[in-house]
Amino acid sequence: MTVPVFNTATVGTDPTPDFGASKKSQPIVRQIKFQGYEQRASFGINNNPKIWSLQWTALSNANADLIEAFFDARAGIERFYWTPLDDTTQYSWVCREWNRTHNYADICTITASFEQVFEP
């Protein structure tokens, strides 16, 4: 199975999100507390996945359709490759949530959350 890439070839328009994108880290940690003491340990080998909150503004309806069609085709299940804004390496992501807003005639905004996934 070929993993799709979120880029100009698959989206048909510039896939670079707007400035103001944010990256969230939330390491997976197991903790135990007993009599006021606490102990923490990382859980798993890929225990620090990233989550990107992205936005594309001032998109034409046609360009918004292309980006939304890419997300619809994956349906929040299928992973895809994407290179984060602060990196040069492609990683695996899932987009489980996106939103399209019609701002004006033929002008749309899409917001999406990319969650890093680890698969063979």
Protein backbone atom coordinates (compact mmCIF):
# COMPACT_ATOMS: atom_id res chain seq x y z
CA MET A 1 0.00 0.00 0.00
CA THR A 2 1.34 3.41 -0.96
CA VAL A 3 1.00 6.05 1.73
CA PRO A 4 -0.23 9.36 0.27
CA VAL A 5 1.69 12.57 0.88
CA PHE A 6 -0.03 15.84 1.76
CA ASN A 7 1.66 18.02 -0.88
CA THR A 8 0.99 19.89 -4.10
CA ALA A 9 0.85 16.65 -6.12
CA THR A 10 -2.01 15.20 -4.04
CA VAL A 11 -3.83 18.37 -3.02
CA GLY A 12 -3.44 20.26 -6.30
CA THR A 13 -2.75 23.57 -4.57
CA ASP A 14 -0.15 24.98 -2.20
CA PRO A 15 -0.56 22.89 0.97
CA THR A 16 1.52 25.23 3.15
CA PRO A 17 -0.60 26.33 6.12
CA ASP A 18 -0.78 29.92 7.31
CA PHE A 19 1.55 31.43 9.86
CA GLY A 20 0.31 30.98 13.38
CA ALA A 21 0.25 27.18 13.17
CA SER A 22 0.84 25.61 16.55
CA LYS A 23 2.52 22.38 17.62
CA LYS A 24 1.50 20.59 20.80
CA SER A 25 3.53 17.99 22.68
CA GLN A 26 1.99 15.73 25.28
CA PRO A 27 4.33 12.86 26.18
CA ILE A 28 2.73 9.61 27.28
CA VAL A 29 3.69 9.22 30.92
CA ARG A 30 2.60 6.73 33.55
CA GLN A 31 2.66 7.96 37.12
CA ILE A 32 2.01 6.56 40.53
CA LYS A 33 1.48 8.47 43.76
CA PHE A 34 1.82 7.04 47.24
CA GLN A 35 1.87 8.88 50.57
CA GLY A 36 2.77 12.21 48.98
CA TYR A 37 5.51 10.82 46.73
CA GLU A 38 5.24 10.56 42.98
CA GLN A 39 7.11 8.51 40.42
CA ARG A 40 6.87 8.96 36.64
CA ALA A 41 8.03 6.84 33.69
CA SER A 42 7.70 7.20 29.95
CA PHE A 43 5.32 4.71 28.36
CA GLY A 44 6.12 3.07 25.04
CA ILE A 45 8.87 3.60 22.50
CA ASN A 46 7.10 6.40 20.61
CA ASN A 47 5.86 8.26 23.64
CA ASN A 48 6.02 11.88 22.45
CA PRO A 49 3.70 12.32 19.46
CA LYS A 50 3.08 15.82 18.14
CA ILE A 51 -0.23 17.47 17.25
CA TRP A 52 -0.31 20.36 14.80
CA SER A 53 -3.20 22.85 14.64
CA LEU A 54 -3.20 24.22 11.10
CA GLN A 55 -5.19 26.77 9.14
CA TRP A 56 -5.49 27.74 5.48
CA THR A 57 -7.25 31.07 4.89
CA ALA A 58 -8.36 32.93 1.79
CA LEU A 59 -8.77 29.71 -0.19
CA SER A 60 -10.93 29.69 -3.29
CA ASN A 61 -13.77 27.18 -3.19
CA ALA A 62 -11.87 25.06 -5.72
CA ASN A 63 -8.69 24.94 -3.61
CA ALA A 64 -10.67 24.32 -0.43
CA ASP A 65 -12.44 21.45 -2.23
CA LEU A 66 -9.06 19.87 -3.06
CA ILE A 67 -7.78 20.00 0.53
CA GLU A 68 -11.09 18.83 1.96
CA ALA A 69 -11.26 15.98 -0.57
CA PHE A 70 -7.83 14.79 0.61
CA PHE A 71 -9.07 14.69 4.22
CA ASP A 72 -12.38 13.08 3.23
CA ALA A 73 -10.57 10.35 1.31
CA ARG A 74 -8.55 9.43 4.44
CA ALA A 75 -11.71 9.64 6.63
CA GLY A 76 -9.69 10.08 9.82
CA ILE A 77 -8.39 6.52 9.51
CA GLU A 78 -5.74 6.37 6.82
CA ARG A 79 -2.37 7.89 7.58
CA PHE A 80 -0.50 10.22 5.25
CA TYR A 81 2.94 11.78 5.14
CA TRP A 82 3.51 15.48 5.81
CA THR A 83 6.59 17.57 6.54
CA PRO A 84 6.04 19.90 9.51
CA LEU A 85 6.82 23.58 9.13
CA ASP A 86 9.85 23.44 11.44
CA ASP A 87 11.34 20.28 9.96
CA THR A 88 12.66 18.74 6.73
CA THR A 89 11.56 15.16 7.40
CA GLN A 90 8.21 13.60 6.50
CA TYR A 91 6.32 11.90 9.32
CA SER A 92 3.08 9.90 9.46
CA TRP A 93 -0.08 11.78 10.43
CA VAL A 94 -3.81 11.28 10.76
CA CYS A 95 -6.34 14.08 10.37
CA ARG A 96 -9.36 13.12 12.47
CA GLU A 97 -10.83 16.59 12.58
CA TRP A 98 -11.12 19.47 10.13
CA ASN A 99 -13.48 22.37 9.61
CA ARG A 100 -14.39 24.44 6.56
CA THR A 101 -15.75 27.95 6.90
CA HIS A 102 -17.25 29.92 4.00
CA ASN A 103 -16.08 33.47 4.69
CA TYR A 104 -17.29 35.25 1.56
CA ALA A 105 -18.31 34.34 -1.96
CA ASP A 106 -15.64 31.93 -3.19
CA ILE A 107 -13.39 32.50 -0.12
CA CYS A 108 -12.99 29.70 2.45
CA THR A 109 -10.93 28.83 5.49
CA ILE A 110 -9.98 25.30 6.48
CA THR A 111 -8.70 24.40 9.94
CA ALA A 112 -7.34 20.95 10.72
CA SER A 113 -5.54 19.01 13.39
CA PHE A 114 -2.73 16.65 12.32
CA GLU A 115 -1.91 13.97 14.89
CA GLN A 116 1.38 12.12 14.57
CA VAL A 117 1.03 8.34 14.37
CA PHE A 118 3.63 5.59 14.49
CA GLU A 119 3.05 2.66 12.15
CA PRO A 120 5.33 0.19 10.41
